[in-house]
Amino acid sequence: MVEIRNLKFQPLTLHLANSKRSVHLGPRGRTEIEDKDVSAEMRRAAERGFITLREVATKPALPAAPTIPRPRPAPTKAEPEIAAPDATPTERS
């Protein structure tokens, strides 16, 4: 696999090798394609500094890790009640 990274701040569309398909890269975007799909146009764009081509090692598929449920947080105590407006205020000494 080859990673293509757009170094420009504008979108690019490049043709794939031996195909009528193309790859669209957004501004500063990146994607991965097969080695056989790298075209001469892509190599020229890399030489001119528009994109970078980088070999990407394929990682073996890892089995999905089991999800461990998190314990629920303890319920919080309710806020203290506010005195009703008709209650008599306490006198200051």
Protein backbone atom coordinates (compact mmCIF):
# COMPACT_ATOMS: atom_id res chain seq x y z
CA MET A 1 0.00 0.00 0.00
CA VAL A 2 1.08 3.56 -0.71
CA GLU A 3 -0.13 6.59 1.21
CA ILE A 4 -0.70 9.71 -0.87
CA ARG A 5 -0.74 13.01 1.01
CA ASN A 6 -1.78 16.31 -0.55
CA LEU A 7 0.66 19.04 0.49
CA LYS A 8 -1.36 21.85 -1.10
CA PHE A 9 -4.12 23.93 0.45
CA GLN A 10 -6.35 23.13 -2.53
CA PRO A 11 -7.96 19.88 -3.65
CA LEU A 12 -6.21 17.64 -6.19
CA THR A 13 -7.54 14.94 -8.50
CA LEU A 14 -5.03 12.42 -9.85
CA HIS A 15 -5.53 9.57 -12.33
CA LEU A 16 -4.74 6.04 -11.22
CA ALA A 17 -2.39 3.88 -13.32
CA ASN A 18 -3.93 1.66 -16.02
CA SER A 19 -7.44 2.71 -15.08
CA LYS A 20 -10.15 5.19 -15.93
CA ARG A 21 -10.55 5.89 -12.23
CA SER A 22 -9.09 8.78 -10.29
CA VAL A 23 -8.42 9.67 -6.69
CA HIS A 24 -9.58 12.97 -5.17
CA LEU A 25 -7.62 14.48 -2.30
CA GLY A 26 -9.05 17.36 -0.33
CA PRO A 27 -6.81 20.15 0.95
CA ARG A 28 -4.03 18.55 3.03
CA GLY A 29 -5.89 15.24 2.66
CA ARG A 30 -4.48 11.73 2.53
CA THR A 31 -5.52 8.32 1.27
CA GLU A 32 -4.04 4.88 0.63
CA ILE A 33 -3.93 3.04 -2.70
CA GLU A 34 -2.38 -0.17 -3.99
CA ASP A 35 1.20 -0.08 -5.29
CA LYS A 36 0.03 -1.03 -8.79
CA ASP A 37 -2.27 2.03 -8.95
CA VAL A 38 0.53 4.62 -8.60
CA SER A 39 0.67 6.46 -11.94
CA ALA A 40 3.37 8.50 -13.67
CA GLU A 41 1.21 11.57 -13.01
CA MET A 42 1.42 10.88 -9.26
CA ARG A 43 5.20 10.43 -9.43
CA ARG A 44 5.56 13.76 -11.28
CA ALA A 45 3.33 15.48 -8.73
CA ALA A 46 5.53 14.08 -5.95
CA GLU A 47 8.69 15.34 -7.71
CA ARG A 48 7.14 18.80 -7.99
CA GLY A 49 6.23 18.87 -4.29
CA PHE A 50 2.43 18.72 -4.67
CA ILE A 51 2.05 15.35 -2.92
CA THR A 52 4.08 12.81 -0.97
CA LEU A 53 4.13 9.10 -1.74
CA ARG A 54 4.99 6.88 1.22
CA GLU A 55 5.08 3.11 1.57
CA VAL A 56 2.71 1.90 4.27
CA ALA A 57 3.28 -1.46 5.90
CA THR A 58 0.05 -3.40 6.11
CA LYS A 59 -0.74 -4.33 9.66
CA PRO A 60 -2.12 -7.79 10.41
CA ALA A 61 -5.71 -7.73 11.52
CA LEU A 62 -5.96 -7.87 15.29
CA PRO A 63 -8.87 -9.58 16.99
CA ALA A 64 -11.36 -7.16 18.45
CA ALA A 65 -10.73 -6.48 22.10
CA PRO A 66 -13.66 -7.22 24.38
CA THR A 67 -15.30 -4.15 25.79
CA ILE A 68 -15.36 -3.91 29.56
CA PRO A 69 -18.36 -2.03 30.93
CA ARG A 70 -17.45 0.86 33.18
CA PRO A 71 -19.00 0.96 36.65
CA ARG A 72 -21.70 3.53 37.08
CA PRO A 73 -20.79 6.54 39.23
CA ALA A 74 -22.38 6.67 42.68
CA PRO A 75 -25.47 8.88 42.80
CA THR A 76 -24.78 12.33 44.18
CA LYS A 77 -26.67 13.73 47.13
CA ALA A 78 -29.35 16.23 46.29
CA GLU A 79 -28.54 19.87 46.86
CA PRO A 80 -29.77 21.29 50.17
CA GLU A 81 -33.22 22.76 49.98
CA ILE A 82 -33.55 26.54 49.84
CA ALA A 83 -35.76 28.12 52.50
CA ALA A 84 -39.16 29.24 51.30
CA PRO A 85 -39.57 33.04 50.81
CA ASP A 86 -42.29 33.28 53.48
CA ALA A 87 -39.98 31.94 56.21
CA THR A 88 -38.90 34.45 58.82
CA PRO A 89 -35.28 35.55 58.59
CA THR A 90 -33.04 34.96 61.54
CA GLU A 91 -32.02 38.02 63.53
CA ARG A 92 -28.41 39.09 63.73
CA SER A 93 -26.84 39.78 67.12
